[in-house]
Amino acid sequence: MKTIIIDDVILSIETLSRMLLEYDDIEVVGSACNTTVAEGQIKAASPDLVFLDVELTDQSFVDIEKF
C-alpha cells in the first residue's frame, strides 16, 4: 500500500516512517511538511493511504482532501 505522511513536524514524519517499516504491505512513497509539497506528492504518487496532521500551519486538512 503506497503511503504519504503529511505533517509540519519533521520528527513526527520520521517517527511514523520508522514505525511503518514494520509492515511489509506499507511503503512510504513520500512525505511533506506543508500543503504545497503535499499536493505535488499526492498527485505524483497516487497513494492508497495518507497520514495527515489535521492541524497544519499553512492550510487545513479540508483543503488537502480536495487534491
C-alpha atoms as a PDB file:
ATOM      1  CA  MET A   1       0.000   0.000   0.000  1.00  0.00           C
ATOM      2  CA  LYS A   2       1.537   3.303  -1.101  1.00  0.00           C
ATOM      3  CA  THR A   3       1.529   5.816   1.752  1.00  0.00           C
ATOM      4  CA  ILE A   4       2.335   9.510   2.179  1.00  0.00           C
ATOM      5  CA  ILE A   5       2.851  11.266   5.510  1.00  0.00           C
ATOM      6  CA  ILE A   6       1.946  14.948   5.822  1.00  0.00           C
ATOM      7  CA  ASP A   7       2.948  16.769   8.999  1.00  0.00           C
ATOM      8  CA  ASP A   8       4.600  20.096   9.752  1.00  0.00           C
ATOM      9  CA  VAL A   9       6.739  18.460  12.460  1.00  0.00           C
ATOM     10  CA  ILE A  10       9.631  16.609  10.819  1.00  0.00           C
ATOM     11  CA  LEU A  11      10.185  14.441  13.897  1.00  0.00           C
ATOM     12  CA  SER A  12       6.618  13.148  13.561  1.00  0.00           C
ATOM     13  CA  ILE A  13       7.218  12.202   9.933  1.00  0.00           C
ATOM     14  CA  GLU A  14      10.441  10.403  10.818  1.00  0.00           C
ATOM     15  CA  THR A  15       8.886   8.560  13.764  1.00  0.00           C
ATOM     16  CA  LEU A  16       5.846   7.385  11.823  1.00  0.00           C
ATOM     17  CA  SER A  17       8.037   6.356   8.870  1.00  0.00           C
ATOM     18  CA  ARG A  18      10.156   4.169  11.169  1.00  0.00           C
ATOM     19  CA  MET A  19       7.059   2.638  12.733  1.00  0.00           C
ATOM     20  CA  LEU A  20       5.625   1.773   9.320  1.00  0.00           C
ATOM     21  CA  LEU A  21       8.813  -0.098   8.338  1.00  0.00           C
ATOM     22  CA  GLU A  22       7.484  -2.981  10.443  1.00  0.00           C
ATOM     23  CA  TYR A  23       4.695  -3.594   7.933  1.00  0.00           C
ATOM     24  CA  ASP A  24       5.638  -5.350   4.714  1.00  0.00           C
ATOM     25  CA  ASP A  25       2.500  -4.219   2.912  1.00  0.00           C
ATOM     26  CA  ILE A  26       3.042  -0.481   3.585  1.00  0.00           C
ATOM     27  CA  GLU A  27       5.508   1.554   1.544  1.00  0.00           C
ATOM     28  CA  VAL A  28       6.083   5.206   2.421  1.00  0.00           C
ATOM     29  CA  VAL A  29       6.424   6.819  -1.004  1.00  0.00           C
ATOM     30  CA  GLY A  30       6.563  10.420   0.140  1.00  0.00           C
ATOM     31  CA  SER A  31       6.274  12.954   2.888  1.00  0.00           C
ATOM     32  CA  ALA A  32       5.563  16.647   3.121  1.00  0.00           C
ATOM     33  CA  CYS A  33       5.821  19.429   5.703  1.00  0.00           C
ATOM     34  CA  ASN A  34       3.323  21.755   4.020  1.00  0.00           C
ATOM     35  CA  THR A  35       0.338  21.612   1.703  1.00  0.00           C
ATOM     36  CA  THR A  36       2.199  22.871  -1.368  1.00  0.00           C
ATOM     37  CA  VAL A  37       4.609  19.936  -1.267  1.00  0.00           C
ATOM     38  CA  ALA A  38       1.790  17.594  -0.196  1.00  0.00           C
ATOM     39  CA  GLU A  39      -0.245  18.398  -3.292  1.00  0.00           C
ATOM     40  CA  GLY A  40       2.681  17.524  -5.571  1.00  0.00           C
ATOM     41  CA  GLN A  41       3.413  14.308  -3.654  1.00  0.00           C
ATOM     42  CA  ILE A  42      -0.210  13.178  -3.764  1.00  0.00           C
ATOM     43  CA  LYS A  43      -0.617  13.911  -7.469  1.00  0.00           C
ATOM     44  CA  ALA A  44       2.682  12.228  -8.366  1.00  0.00           C
ATOM     45  CA  ALA A  45       2.350   9.099  -6.241  1.00  0.00           C
ATOM     46  CA  SER A  46      -1.428   8.484  -6.146  1.00  0.00           C
ATOM     47  CA  PRO A  47      -1.143   6.974  -2.662  1.00  0.00           C
ATOM     48  CA  ASP A  48      -3.572   4.456  -1.224  1.00  0.00           C
ATOM     49  CA  LEU A  49      -3.230   5.973   2.240  1.00  0.00           C
ATOM     50  CA  VAL A  50      -2.353   9.447   3.530  1.00  0.00           C
ATOM     51  CA  PHE A  51      -1.414  10.131   7.129  1.00  0.00           C
ATOM     52  CA  LEU A  52      -2.384  13.757   7.638  1.00  0.00           C
ATOM     53  CA  ASP A  53      -1.778  16.141  10.508  1.00  0.00           C
ATOM     54  CA  VAL A  54      -5.140  17.877  10.879  1.00  0.00           C
ATOM     55  CA  GLU A  55      -3.514  20.956  12.432  1.00  0.00           C
ATOM     56  CA  LEU A  56      -1.107  22.013   9.681  1.00  0.00           C
ATOM     57  CA  THR A  57       0.103  25.578   9.988  1.00  0.00           C
ATOM     58  CA  ASP A  58      -0.361  26.642   6.348  1.00  0.00           C
ATOM     59  CA  GLN A  59      -3.789  25.179   5.480  1.00  0.00           C
ATOM     60  CA  SER A  60      -6.427  22.904   6.888  1.00  0.00           C
ATOM     61  CA  PHE A  61      -6.966  19.245   6.131  1.00  0.00           C
ATOM     62  CA  VAL A  62     -10.149  20.239   4.284  1.00  0.00           C
ATOM     63  CA  ASP A  63      -8.012  21.991   1.659  1.00  0.00           C
ATOM     64  CA  ILE A  64      -5.858  18.885   1.210  1.00  0.00           C
ATOM     65  CA  GLU A  65      -8.773  16.496   0.761  1.00  0.00           C
ATOM     66  CA  LYS A  66      -9.536  18.364  -2.484  1.00  0.00           C
ATOM     67  CA  PHE A  67      -6.275  17.126  -4.061  1.00  0.00           C
END
